[in-house]
Amino acid sequence: MESARATQLESVAMGKLKIRIERAQCVGNARCHAVAEHLYPLDQDGYVAIDGFEVAPGDELMARRGARACPERIITIIEDED
């Protein structure tokens, strides 16, 4: 199991990971924030406050978890292979 996880992390590290968020469709569940608050900040009304970001090295797993936590599926993971 450890080798599968290492392979997954290596494949992520090879390209840049970006997150795109359709803010207008956010309904304020804040599950992304609950999973990774440092990556998915909220505005004063409890809605996601950003349109997206480039994921810093080491934050890939939490960015993916935050995206998967969104019940509205408004967070898209974009993998660039460089």
C-alpha atoms as a PDB file:
ATOM      1  CA  MET A   1       0.000   0.000   0.000  1.00  0.00           C
ATOM      2  CA  GLU A   2       2.833   2.384   0.788  1.00  0.00           C
ATOM      3  CA  SER A   3       4.312   2.006  -2.693  1.00  0.00           C
ATOM      4  CA  ALA A   4       0.962   2.894  -4.325  1.00  0.00           C
ATOM      5  CA  ARG A   5       0.778   6.046  -2.201  1.00  0.00           C
ATOM      6  CA  ALA A   6       4.367   6.962  -3.087  1.00  0.00           C
ATOM      7  CA  THR A   7       3.586   6.509  -6.779  1.00  0.00           C
ATOM      8  CA  GLN A   8       0.526   8.749  -6.477  1.00  0.00           C
ATOM      9  CA  LEU A   9       2.521  11.475  -4.745  1.00  0.00           C
ATOM     10  CA  GLU A  10       5.311  11.242  -7.329  1.00  0.00           C
ATOM     11  CA  SER A  11       2.855  11.659 -10.195  1.00  0.00           C
ATOM     12  CA  VAL A  12       1.434  14.777  -8.573  1.00  0.00           C
ATOM     13  CA  ALA A  13       4.877  16.234  -8.010  1.00  0.00           C
ATOM     14  CA  MET A  14       5.800  15.878 -11.696  1.00  0.00           C
ATOM     15  CA  GLY A  15       3.300  18.523 -12.842  1.00  0.00           C
ATOM     16  CA  LYS A  16       1.786  21.660 -11.461  1.00  0.00           C
ATOM     17  CA  LEU A  17      -1.548  21.319  -9.735  1.00  0.00           C
ATOM     18  CA  LYS A  18      -4.097  24.115  -9.943  1.00  0.00           C
ATOM     19  CA  ILE A  19      -7.513  24.544  -8.416  1.00  0.00           C
ATOM     20  CA  ARG A  20     -10.355  26.356 -10.156  1.00  0.00           C
ATOM     21  CA  ILE A  21     -13.449  27.348  -8.168  1.00  0.00           C
ATOM     22  CA  GLU A  22     -16.814  28.419  -9.578  1.00  0.00           C
ATOM     23  CA  ARG A  23     -17.496  30.921  -6.786  1.00  0.00           C
ATOM     24  CA  ALA A  24     -20.876  32.036  -8.127  1.00  0.00           C
ATOM     25  CA  GLN A  25     -22.152  28.496  -7.586  1.00  0.00           C
ATOM     26  CA  CYS A  26     -20.939  28.219  -3.978  1.00  0.00           C
ATOM     27  CA  VAL A  27     -23.811  27.687  -1.529  1.00  0.00           C
ATOM     28  CA  GLY A  28     -21.722  28.038   1.618  1.00  0.00           C
ATOM     29  CA  ASN A  29     -21.413  24.454   2.836  1.00  0.00           C
ATOM     30  CA  ALA A  30     -17.763  25.278   3.680  1.00  0.00           C
ATOM     31  CA  ARG A  31     -16.686  21.635   3.555  1.00  0.00           C
ATOM     32  CA  CYS A  32     -13.620  22.571   1.514  1.00  0.00           C
ATOM     33  CA  HIS A  33     -12.641  24.996   4.265  1.00  0.00           C
ATOM     34  CA  ALA A  34     -13.299  22.411   6.984  1.00  0.00           C
ATOM     35  CA  VAL A  35     -10.864  20.037   5.281  1.00  0.00           C
ATOM     36  CA  ALA A  36      -8.157  22.560   4.320  1.00  0.00           C
ATOM     37  CA  GLU A  37      -8.857  26.002   5.767  1.00  0.00           C
ATOM     38  CA  HIS A  38      -5.460  27.379   4.745  1.00  0.00           C
ATOM     39  CA  LEU A  39      -6.229  26.595   1.083  1.00  0.00           C
ATOM     40  CA  TYR A  40      -9.931  27.445   0.924  1.00  0.00           C
ATOM     41  CA  PRO A  41     -10.559  30.720   2.783  1.00  0.00           C
ATOM     42  CA  LEU A  42     -14.110  31.943   3.330  1.00  0.00           C
ATOM     43  CA  ASP A  43     -15.535  35.431   2.999  1.00  0.00           C
ATOM     44  CA  GLN A  44     -17.469  37.140   5.795  1.00  0.00           C
ATOM     45  CA  ASP A  45     -20.683  35.424   4.656  1.00  0.00           C
ATOM     46  CA  GLY A  46     -19.199  31.915   4.748  1.00  0.00           C
ATOM     47  CA  TYR A  47     -18.702  31.402   1.011  1.00  0.00           C
ATOM     48  CA  VAL A  48     -15.402  30.445  -0.599  1.00  0.00           C
ATOM     49  CA  ALA A  49     -13.445  33.671  -1.080  1.00  0.00           C
ATOM     50  CA  ILE A  50     -11.202  32.813  -4.034  1.00  0.00           C
ATOM     51  CA  ASP A  51     -11.573  31.763  -7.680  1.00  0.00           C
ATOM     52  CA  GLY A  52      -8.657  29.352  -7.551  1.00  0.00           C
ATOM     53  CA  PHE A  53      -4.974  28.979  -6.881  1.00  0.00           C
ATOM     54  CA  GLU A  54      -1.781  27.164  -7.790  1.00  0.00           C
ATOM     55  CA  VAL A  55      -1.114  24.457  -5.261  1.00  0.00           C
ATOM     56  CA  ALA A  56       2.169  24.793  -3.410  1.00  0.00           C
ATOM     57  CA  PRO A  57       4.410  21.738  -3.138  1.00  0.00           C
ATOM     58  CA  GLY A  58       3.300  19.696  -0.158  1.00  0.00           C
ATOM     59  CA  ASP A  59      -0.325  20.916  -0.285  1.00  0.00           C
ATOM     60  CA  GLU A  60      -1.458  18.620  -3.107  1.00  0.00           C
ATOM     61  CA  LEU A  61      -3.190  16.063  -0.915  1.00  0.00           C
ATOM     62  CA  MET A  62      -5.116  18.651   1.102  1.00  0.00           C
ATOM     63  CA  ALA A  63      -6.095  20.562  -2.045  1.00  0.00           C
ATOM     64  CA  ARG A  64      -7.518  17.347  -3.514  1.00  0.00           C
ATOM     65  CA  ARG A  65      -9.352  16.493  -0.306  1.00  0.00           C
ATOM     66  CA  GLY A  66     -10.876  19.959  -0.133  1.00  0.00           C
ATOM     67  CA  ALA A  67     -12.050  19.708  -3.730  1.00  0.00           C
ATOM     68  CA  ARG A  68     -13.582  16.278  -3.156  1.00  0.00           C
ATOM     69  CA  ALA A  69     -15.358  17.525  -0.025  1.00  0.00           C
ATOM     70  CA  CYS A  70     -17.459  20.015  -2.011  1.00  0.00           C
ATOM     71  CA  PRO A  71     -20.996  18.591  -2.367  1.00  0.00           C
ATOM     72  CA  GLU A  72     -21.767  21.063  -5.169  1.00  0.00           C
ATOM     73  CA  ARG A  73     -18.720  19.901  -7.199  1.00  0.00           C
ATOM     74  CA  ILE A  74     -17.704  23.468  -8.040  1.00  0.00           C
ATOM     75  CA  ILE A  75     -14.004  22.882  -7.357  1.00  0.00           C
ATOM     76  CA  THR A  76     -11.984  21.549 -10.288  1.00  0.00           C
ATOM     77  CA  ILE A  77      -8.521  20.035 -10.073  1.00  0.00           C
ATOM     78  CA  ILE A  78      -6.315  20.912 -13.050  1.00  0.00           C
ATOM     79  CA  GLU A  79      -3.103  18.955 -13.546  1.00  0.00           C
ATOM     80  CA  ASP A  80      -0.492  20.485 -15.827  1.00  0.00           C
ATOM     81  CA  GLU A  81       2.227  18.164 -16.994  1.00  0.00           C
ATOM     82  CA  ASP A  82       5.431  20.125 -17.458  1.00  0.00           C
END
